[in-house]
Protein backbone atom coordinates (compact mmCIF):
# COMPACT_ATOMS: atom_id res chain seq x y z
CA UNK A 1 172.14 140.52 10.11
CA UNK A 2 170.13 143.84 11.86
CA UNK A 3 167.48 144.36 13.65
CA UNK A 4 166.46 147.09 16.28
CA UNK A 5 166.70 147.31 20.16
CA UNK A 6 164.50 145.69 21.38
CA UNK A 7 165.56 144.53 25.44
CA UNK A 8 163.67 145.36 27.70
CA UNK A 9 160.28 146.32 25.84
CA UNK A 10 159.88 142.83 23.59
CA UNK A 11 156.40 142.55 24.88
CA UNK A 12 155.12 145.84 25.05
CA UNK A 13 151.77 146.48 22.45
CA UNK A 14 153.11 149.69 20.29
CA UNK A 15 149.25 150.12 19.23
CA UNK A 16 148.80 147.43 16.55
CA UNK A 17 147.29 144.56 17.29
CA UNK A 18 148.15 141.65 15.67
CA UNK A 19 146.31 137.73 16.03
CA UNK A 20 147.51 133.81 15.17
CA UNK A 21 147.77 133.53 11.38
CA UNK A 22 148.83 129.89 12.13
CA UNK A 23 145.95 127.47 12.88
CA UNK A 24 146.22 125.82 16.41
CA UNK A 25 146.81 122.25 14.40
CA UNK A 26 149.34 123.64 11.82
CA UNK A 27 152.49 121.91 13.88
CA UNK A 28 151.04 119.05 13.84
CA UNK A 29 152.94 117.69 11.02
CA UNK A 30 156.43 118.75 12.06
CA UNK A 31 158.17 115.50 10.90
CA UNK A 32 160.75 117.08 13.74
CA UNK A 33 158.74 115.67 16.69
CA UNK A 34 155.29 116.83 18.24
CA UNK A 35 156.74 118.71 21.08
CA UNK A 36 154.80 122.06 22.32
CA UNK A 37 155.42 124.53 25.01
CA UNK A 38 156.89 127.73 25.47
CA UNK A 39 160.08 128.67 23.24
CA UNK A 40 163.05 130.74 23.66
CA UNK A 41 163.94 132.70 20.28
CA UNK A 42 167.49 134.08 20.19
CA UNK A 43 168.07 137.21 17.75
CA UNK A 44 170.44 140.14 17.08
CA UNK A 45 170.14 143.37 18.28
CA UNK A 46 166.61 144.60 16.85
CA UNK A 47 167.22 148.46 15.40
CA UNK A 48 163.73 149.60 15.01
CA UNK A 49 161.84 148.00 17.87
CA UNK A 50 158.89 146.24 16.09
CA UNK A 51 159.78 142.68 17.29
CA UNK A 52 158.42 142.81 20.99
CA UNK A 53 154.83 143.37 18.75
CA UNK A 54 154.60 141.23 17.17
CA UNK A 55 155.62 138.60 19.32
CA UNK A 56 153.05 139.79 22.01
CA UNK A 57 150.89 138.64 19.39
CA UNK A 58 151.85 135.30 19.42
CA UNK A 59 152.17 135.36 22.41
CA UNK A 60 148.36 136.81 23.56
CA UNK A 61 147.23 134.22 20.93
CA UNK A 62 149.67 130.94 21.98
CA UNK A 63 149.45 130.93 25.69
CA UNK A 64 150.72 127.56 25.96
CA UNK A 65 153.30 128.53 23.63
CA UNK A 66 154.88 131.56 24.96
CA UNK A 67 157.60 133.21 23.25
CA UNK A 68 160.80 134.74 25.45
CA UNK A 69 163.04 136.81 23.47
CA UNK A 70 166.57 136.66 23.71
CA UNK A 71 169.01 139.50 22.77
CA UNK A 72 172.26 139.19 21.38
CA UNK A 73 174.43 141.62 20.73
CA UNK A 74 174.05 144.37 17.37
CA UNK A 75 177.52 143.49 16.02
CA UNK A 76 176.73 139.95 13.62
CA UNK A 77 180.12 139.00 14.85
CA UNK A 78 179.12 138.91 18.46
CA UNK A 79 175.90 137.64 17.71
CA UNK A 80 177.50 134.37 15.60
CA UNK A 81 179.78 133.89 19.00
CA UNK A 82 177.00 133.81 21.48
CA UNK A 83 175.35 131.19 18.98
CA UNK A 84 177.69 128.93 18.46
CA UNK A 85 179.10 128.88 22.92
CA UNK A 86 175.09 128.45 23.26
CA UNK A 87 174.69 125.55 20.28
CA UNK A 88 177.65 123.63 21.25
CA UNK A 89 176.05 123.00 24.56
CA UNK A 90 174.10 120.55 23.45
CA UNK A 91 170.86 119.80 25.37
CA UNK A 92 171.66 122.32 27.59
CA UNK A 93 171.43 124.79 24.89
CA UNK A 94 168.87 127.44 26.02
CA UNK A 95 168.14 128.09 22.12
CA UNK A 96 164.86 126.73 20.56
CA UNK A 97 164.56 129.54 17.49
CA UNK A 98 167.38 131.10 16.01
CA UNK A 99 167.25 134.35 14.18
CA UNK A 100 170.64 133.47 12.09
CA UNK A 101 172.54 135.63 9.26
CA UNK A 102 171.87 134.29 6.26
CA UNK A 103 175.45 132.98 5.39
CA UNK A 104 175.37 131.06 9.05
CA UNK A 105 172.62 128.52 7.56
CA UNK A 106 174.84 126.05 5.58
CA UNK A 107 177.61 126.70 8.77
CA UNK A 108 174.43 125.75 11.45
CA UNK A 109 173.72 122.21 9.26
CA UNK A 110 177.00 121.26 8.49
CA UNK A 111 177.98 121.19 12.25
CA UNK A 112 174.57 119.95 13.26
CA UNK A 113 173.31 123.06 15.15
CA UNK A 114 169.85 122.71 13.33
CA UNK A 115 167.24 120.64 12.10
CA UNK A 116 166.25 120.49 8.90
CA UNK A 117 162.61 121.01 8.26
CA UNK A 118 159.57 120.42 5.75
CA UNK A 119 159.63 122.29 2.72
CA UNK A 120 155.75 121.26 2.75
CA UNK A 121 155.03 123.32 5.35
CA UNK A 122 155.77 126.89 4.43
CA UNK A 123 155.35 129.04 1.65
CA UNK A 124 158.78 128.96 0.15
CA UNK A 125 157.00 129.68 -3.60
CA UNK A 126 155.54 132.90 -2.40
CA UNK A 127 158.61 134.40 -1.08
CA UNK A 128 160.85 136.16 -3.26
CA UNK A 129 163.24 133.74 -5.21
CA UNK A 130 166.78 134.13 -4.10
CA UNK A 131 166.41 133.86 -0.36
CA UNK A 132 164.93 130.65 -0.86
CA UNK A 133 168.43 129.08 -1.15
CA UNK A 134 169.54 130.99 1.52
CA UNK A 135 167.49 128.36 3.84
CA UNK A 136 169.23 125.33 2.37
CA UNK A 137 172.23 123.11 2.22
CA UNK A 138 172.91 120.02 0.85
CA UNK A 139 169.57 120.34 -1.01
CA UNK A 140 167.76 120.05 2.44
CA UNK A 141 165.47 123.05 3.69
CA UNK A 142 167.52 123.86 7.25
CA UNK A 143 165.49 127.12 8.07
CA UNK A 144 163.25 129.38 6.69
CA UNK A 145 163.69 132.75 4.95
CA UNK A 146 162.45 135.68 7.01
CA UNK A 147 163.84 139.28 6.42
CA UNK A 148 166.10 140.14 3.10
CA UNK A 149 167.77 142.53 2.66
CA UNK A 150 170.16 144.38 -0.13
CA UNK A 151 172.46 147.02 -0.46
CA UNK A 152 171.40 150.48 -1.97
CA UNK A 153 173.37 153.41 -2.42
CA UNK A 154 171.56 156.15 -0.30
CA UNK A 155 172.36 160.11 -2.00
CA UNK A 156 170.85 163.48 -1.34
CA UNK A 157 168.76 163.75 -4.27
CA UNK A 158 168.40 167.69 -3.17
CA UNK A 159 172.13 168.24 -3.69
CA UNK A 160 172.33 166.38 -6.42
CA UNK A 161 169.17 168.05 -7.91
CA UNK A 162 170.71 171.76 -7.15
CA UNK A 163 173.98 170.79 -9.67
CA UNK A 164 172.00 169.04 -12.32
CA UNK A 165 173.13 165.39 -12.02
CA UNK A 166 171.62 162.19 -11.90
CA UNK A 167 172.45 159.55 -8.92
CA UNK A 168 175.64 157.82 -9.96
CA UNK A 169 175.18 154.13 -12.35
CA UNK A 170 178.81 153.57 -12.39
CA UNK A 171 182.07 154.11 -10.26
CA UNK A 172 183.24 156.46 -12.73
CA UNK A 173 180.45 158.75 -11.85
CA UNK A 174 180.22 157.79 -8.10
CA UNK A 175 184.24 158.72 -8.02
CA UNK A 176 183.39 162.17 -10.08
CA UNK A 177 181.04 163.37 -7.97
CA UNK A 178 182.54 162.22 -4.22
CA UNK A 179 185.75 164.17 -5.26
CA UNK A 180 183.55 167.02 -7.36
CA UNK A 181 180.10 167.99 -5.71
CA UNK A 182 180.35 166.99 -1.94
CA UNK A 183 183.68 169.09 -1.28
CA UNK A 184 181.20 172.42 -2.79
CA UNK A 185 178.84 171.40 0.17
CA UNK A 186 181.16 170.78 3.77
CA UNK A 187 180.13 166.63 3.09
CA UNK A 188 182.78 163.33 2.77
CA UNK A 189 182.28 161.58 -0.54
CA UNK A 190 180.91 158.28 -0.25
CA UNK A 191 181.05 156.18 2.90
CA UNK A 192 180.27 151.95 3.69
CA UNK A 193 181.20 149.58 6.50
CA UNK A 194 184.55 149.49 6.56
CA UNK A 195 185.34 148.51 9.93
CA UNK A 196 187.07 144.90 9.92
CA UNK A 197 183.89 143.28 11.16
CA UNK A 198 181.38 141.34 8.87
CA UNK A 199 179.93 144.20 6.81
CA UNK A 200 183.88 145.01 5.53
CA UNK A 201 183.25 141.00 3.89
CA UNK A 202 179.79 142.69 2.34
CA UNK A 203 181.26 145.80 1.10
CA UNK A 204 184.83 143.73 -0.06
CA UNK A 205 181.79 140.90 -1.60
CA UNK A 206 179.87 143.30 -3.49
CA UNK A 207 183.00 144.74 -4.93
CA UNK A 208 184.15 142.53 -6.34
CA UNK A 209 181.18 140.59 -7.49
CA UNK A 210 179.96 144.03 -9.34
CA UNK A 211 183.61 143.86 -11.01
CA UNK A 212 182.81 140.39 -12.58
CA UNK A 213 184.69 138.52 -9.71
CA UNK A 214 183.77 135.74 -7.62
CA UNK A 215 185.67 135.11 -3.79
CA UNK A 216 184.94 131.01 -3.41
CA UNK A 217 183.61 128.79 -5.98
CA UNK A 218 179.73 127.73 -6.12
CA UNK A 219 179.78 125.11 -3.21
CA UNK A 220 182.78 126.81 -1.29
CA UNK A 221 185.41 124.23 -2.46
CA UNK A 222 187.29 126.53 -4.87
CA UNK A 223 189.51 130.15 -4.61
CA UNK A 224 188.19 131.96 -7.42
CA UNK A 225 189.34 135.20 -6.24
CA UNK A 226 192.94 135.59 -7.79
CA UNK A 227 191.68 137.40 -10.70
CA UNK A 228 191.41 140.79 -12.36
CA UNK A 229 188.00 141.66 -11.43
CA UNK A 230 188.94 141.16 -7.48
CA UNK A 231 192.19 143.58 -8.43
CA UNK A 232 189.36 146.01 -9.42
CA UNK A 233 186.90 145.85 -7.01
CA UNK A 234 189.44 146.02 -3.84
CA UNK A 235 191.67 148.73 -6.07
CA UNK A 236 188.24 150.62 -6.04
CA UNK A 237 187.97 150.84 -2.43
CA UNK A 238 191.33 151.53 -1.48
CA UNK A 239 191.49 154.07 -4.18
CA UNK A 240 189.00 155.65 -2.17
CA UNK A 241 190.88 155.82 0.87
CA UNK A 242 194.04 156.46 -0.50
CA UNK A 243 192.44 159.79 -2.87
CA UNK A 244 190.11 161.03 0.01
CA UNK A 245 186.88 160.59 -1.90
CA UNK A 246 186.31 157.62 1.30
CA UNK A 247 186.99 159.93 4.68
CA UNK A 248 189.13 157.66 6.88
CA UNK A 249 186.89 158.50 9.55
CA UNK A 250 184.59 155.00 7.44
CA UNK A 251 187.39 152.46 8.05
CA UNK A 252 185.90 152.67 11.43
CA UNK A 253 181.99 152.53 10.20
CA UNK A 254 179.81 149.82 11.07
CA UNK A 255 176.25 150.64 9.85
CA UNK A 256 174.89 152.36 12.56
CA UNK A 257 178.15 154.22 12.75
CA UNK A 258 177.75 155.11 8.93
CA UNK A 259 174.29 155.71 8.61
CA UNK A 260 174.22 158.65 11.21
CA UNK A 261 177.36 160.18 9.84
CA UNK A 262 174.84 160.27 6.22
CA UNK A 263 171.69 160.80 8.75
CA UNK A 264 173.67 164.04 10.08
CA UNK A 265 173.84 165.62 6.92
CA UNK A 266 178.19 164.73 6.59
CA UNK A 267 177.88 162.44 3.70
CA UNK A 268 176.93 162.67 -0.32
CA UNK A 269 176.89 158.93 -0.59
CA UNK A 270 176.64 155.75 1.49
CA UNK A 271 175.93 152.25 0.77
CA UNK A 272 174.37 150.80 3.62
CA UNK A 273 170.30 148.22 3.54
CA UNK A 274 166.97 149.55 3.20
CA UNK A 275 166.85 150.21 6.66
CA UNK A 276 168.80 153.74 6.95
CA UNK A 277 166.71 154.71 4.55
CA UNK A 278 163.72 154.48 6.56
CA UNK A 279 165.55 156.03 9.79
CA UNK A 280 167.18 158.61 8.05
CA UNK A 281 163.78 159.97 6.08
CA UNK A 282 161.82 159.80 9.40
CA UNK A 283 160.69 163.25 10.98
CA UNK A 284 163.23 165.11 12.72
CA UNK A 285 166.07 163.83 10.84
CA UNK A 286 168.31 166.42 9.69
CA UNK A 287 167.83 165.02 6.03
CA UNK A 288 164.20 163.85 6.02
CA UNK A 289 162.74 164.67 2.64
CA UNK A 290 165.97 165.22 0.71
CA UNK A 291 167.26 161.14 0.24
CA UNK A 292 167.32 159.32 -2.89
CA UNK A 293 167.77 155.29 -3.54
CA UNK A 294 169.32 154.00 -6.36
CA UNK A 295 170.98 149.89 -7.06
CA UNK A 296 174.84 150.13 -6.26
CA UNK A 297 176.78 151.17 -9.30
CA UNK A 298 179.74 149.10 -11.04
CA UNK A 299 181.80 149.73 -12.95
CA UNK A 300 179.68 149.71 -16.25
CA UNK A 301 176.48 149.61 -14.51
CA UNK A 302 174.49 149.19 -11.87
CA UNK A 303 176.16 146.76 -9.76
CA UNK A 304 175.55 143.55 -7.61
CA UNK A 305 174.89 143.77 -3.62
CA UNK A 306 175.03 140.81 -1.69
CA UNK A 307 171.75 139.42 -0.75
CA UNK A 308 171.72 139.55 2.93
CA UNK A 309 169.11 139.84 5.39
CA UNK A 310 168.37 136.37 8.26
CA UNK A 311 166.37 133.26 8.18
CA UNK A 312 164.74 131.58 10.98
CA UNK A 313 166.26 128.28 12.33
CA UNK A 314 164.81 124.91 14.93
CA UNK A 315 167.70 124.59 17.19
CA UNK A 316 168.73 120.88 17.11
CA UNK A 317 167.65 120.32 20.78
CA UNK A 318 164.90 122.30 20.95
CA UNK A 319 162.80 121.50 23.98
CA UNK A 320 158.96 121.62 21.69
CA UNK A 321 160.39 121.34 18.10
CA UNK A 322 156.34 121.82 16.60
CA UNK A 323 155.82 125.34 18.70
CA UNK A 324 159.07 125.87 17.12
CA UNK A 325 158.14 125.38 13.56
CA UNK A 326 154.41 126.73 14.37
CA UNK A 327 156.33 129.94 15.32
CA UNK A 328 158.68 130.35 12.02
CA UNK A 329 155.03 129.91 10.04
CA UNK A 330 153.36 132.44 12.17
CA UNK A 331 156.69 134.76 11.88
CA UNK A 332 156.79 134.37 7.64
CA UNK A 333 152.90 134.88 7.14
CA UNK A 334 152.09 138.20 4.81
CA UNK A 335 150.50 139.43 7.54
CA UNK A 336 153.45 139.51 10.14
CA UNK A 337 155.87 140.25 7.05
CA UNK A 338 153.53 143.32 6.13
CA UNK A 339 154.37 144.20 9.62
CA UNK A 340 157.95 143.57 9.67
CA UNK A 341 158.61 146.05 6.40
CA UNK A 342 156.29 148.62 8.52
CA UNK A 343 156.80 149.00 12.07
CA UNK A 344 160.55 147.21 11.33
CA UNK A 345 161.74 148.91 8.15
CA UNK A 346 162.99 145.65 7.38
CA UNK A 347 162.88 144.11 4.59
CA UNK A 348 160.27 141.42 3.96
CA UNK A 349 160.80 138.38 2.17
CA UNK A 350 157.15 137.79 0.59
CA UNK A 351 157.35 138.34 -3.23
CA UNK A 352 153.85 139.96 -3.19
CA UNK A 353 154.29 143.03 -0.69
CA UNK A 354 157.13 144.79 -3.15
CA UNK A 355 154.10 145.36 -5.53
CA UNK A 356 151.52 146.63 -3.25
CA UNK A 357 150.37 150.49 -4.38
CA UNK A 358 149.99 151.22 -0.42
CA UNK A 359 153.28 150.31 0.74
CA UNK A 360 155.02 152.03 -2.07
CA UNK A 361 154.17 155.19 -1.28
CA UNK A 362 155.21 154.66 1.90
CA UNK A 363 158.36 153.23 0.97
CA UNK A 364 159.59 154.68 -2.10
CA UNK A 365 162.31 152.57 -2.51
CA UNK A 366 161.01 149.23 -2.59
CA UNK A 367 161.18 148.62 -6.23
CA UNK A 368 164.60 149.82 -6.28
CA UNK A 369 165.44 147.34 -3.38
CA UNK A 370 162.67 144.29 -5.50
CA UNK A 371 165.21 144.78 -7.92
CA UNK A 372 168.27 144.75 -5.84
CA UNK A 373 167.38 141.81 -4.09
CA UNK A 374 166.62 139.55 -7.77
CA UNK A 375 170.04 140.71 -8.39
CA UNK A 376 172.36 139.84 -5.68
CA UNK A 377 174.18 136.90 -4.84
CA UNK A 378 175.20 135.47 -1.94
CA UNK A 379 178.35 135.80 -0.02
CA UNK A 380 180.84 132.72 -0.49
CA UNK A 381 179.25 129.69 0.77
CA UNK A 382 181.25 127.83 3.14
CA UNK A 383 180.62 125.67 6.47
CA UNK A 384 183.52 127.44 7.57
CA UNK A 385 182.40 130.64 6.31
CA UNK A 386 183.76 132.93 9.76
CA UNK A 387 186.81 131.88 8.94
CA UNK A 388 186.21 133.04 5.22
CA UNK A 389 185.23 136.47 6.50
CA UNK A 390 187.54 136.84 8.94
CA UNK A 391 190.12 136.35 6.55
CA UNK A 392 188.78 138.61 4.18
CA UNK A 393 187.63 141.34 6.27
CA UNK A 394 191.89 141.36 7.35
CA UNK A 395 193.42 141.44 4.24
CA UNK A 396 190.87 144.08 2.34
CA UNK A 397 191.10 146.38 5.42
CA UNK A 398 195.23 146.37 5.16
CA UNK A 399 194.43 147.13 1.65
CA UNK A 400 192.43 150.20 2.49
CA UNK A 401 195.21 151.76 5.14
CA UNK A 402 197.41 151.23 2.45
CA UNK A 403 199.26 148.72 4.25
CA UNK A 404 200.03 146.62 1.25
CA UNK A 405 199.26 146.82 -2.53
CA UNK A 406 195.63 145.60 -4.15
CA UNK A 407 197.35 143.33 -6.05
CA UNK A 408 199.65 142.13 -3.47
CA UNK A 409 196.19 142.01 -1.47
CA UNK A 410 194.35 139.91 -3.60
CA UNK A 411 197.45 137.50 -3.84
CA UNK A 412 197.41 137.04 0.10
CA UNK A 413 193.49 136.82 -0.51
CA UNK A 414 193.72 133.72 -2.13
CA UNK A 415 196.24 132.09 -0.44
CA UNK A 416 195.04 132.71 3.09
CA UNK A 417 191.60 131.67 2.07
CA UNK A 418 193.15 128.06 0.25
CA UNK A 419 194.88 127.10 3.96
CA UNK A 420 191.75 127.50 5.35
CA UNK A 421 191.71 123.98 7.14
CA UNK A 422 188.11 122.01 6.07
CA UNK A 423 187.18 124.47 3.48
């Protein structure tokens, strides 16, 4: 759930004038209530600075329903903690609309912190199909997809071209190139997000999924991680650190640190979200024009990304639920979704934008990203996802730092997941 830092400038006009895409009477069908008025939108730290323009467009055309942005920390874990603390305050909550990580929808809905929404209010059939399921819990819509995401493998296309090799499609190719090509150019081989936080849960899940495994059953009711596939996936990550083609510095990387290492010209390969491609390709970047992007590799071919992104939800104690639903309809309209991509470098949920020729010229990774999203898998679903993620982070980090073998780590992971109360 990565946005750009917009604190202190959330209502600045950046030269792009947006008009309201939602008619003035559209909120009247909100079954949750007819309340209209000012709103507070809570989101994690925004990484490209586009959100102020979007909200300024809404505020100009909806003066009676002005939105105040509350920007929480960049870290998904810290944002989750602050949102939960606020929502537990019941009617004292200061948040009306929440921009939540796609994997929090089940947790927040099960806890009664967000209210169900009318599916007919939103153009869900216009969205990429996998993203819609991230917004549902127990068969009901509790949020609306706003931004999607899938991990990509970024690579130095200039270096691979000099070596006459294609970008890696398998783990074996990635390992070989990271071991043999990267050192010739004074680079580290491969990195992802390996600090023990939500990013490591994502990277670990992708490794397990790419090897054909799972972590929990579809409804989170069964622990399924104790498998040969999980041992292969976690073993791939641990072996990289042990053999040196994953630098030990990467054990402290989150999204930004890993992006910066790649942008500074210190990495041959990087697993990250598409925003890293856009930022590292910007004018002035040392690697601008030298970057390619492909799907994440797996043991025998393209791997499986975790489905990332964020959903917009209405807090259970929102002051003005009709206005909240209207804002969500505005933010997921095609016009604003285009701005999400062009200003924010964030992957939109509207399917039509991925085949727009003008956008593909500007963002050449869009076809690859579309393929990655359509083949992506969600993180383990659980009302106690926060506990699930903490267990995965801790155990996989121990394996990557060499404190226990991959086999032992998978066995421990199965036991600790099974012991989570209420899972």
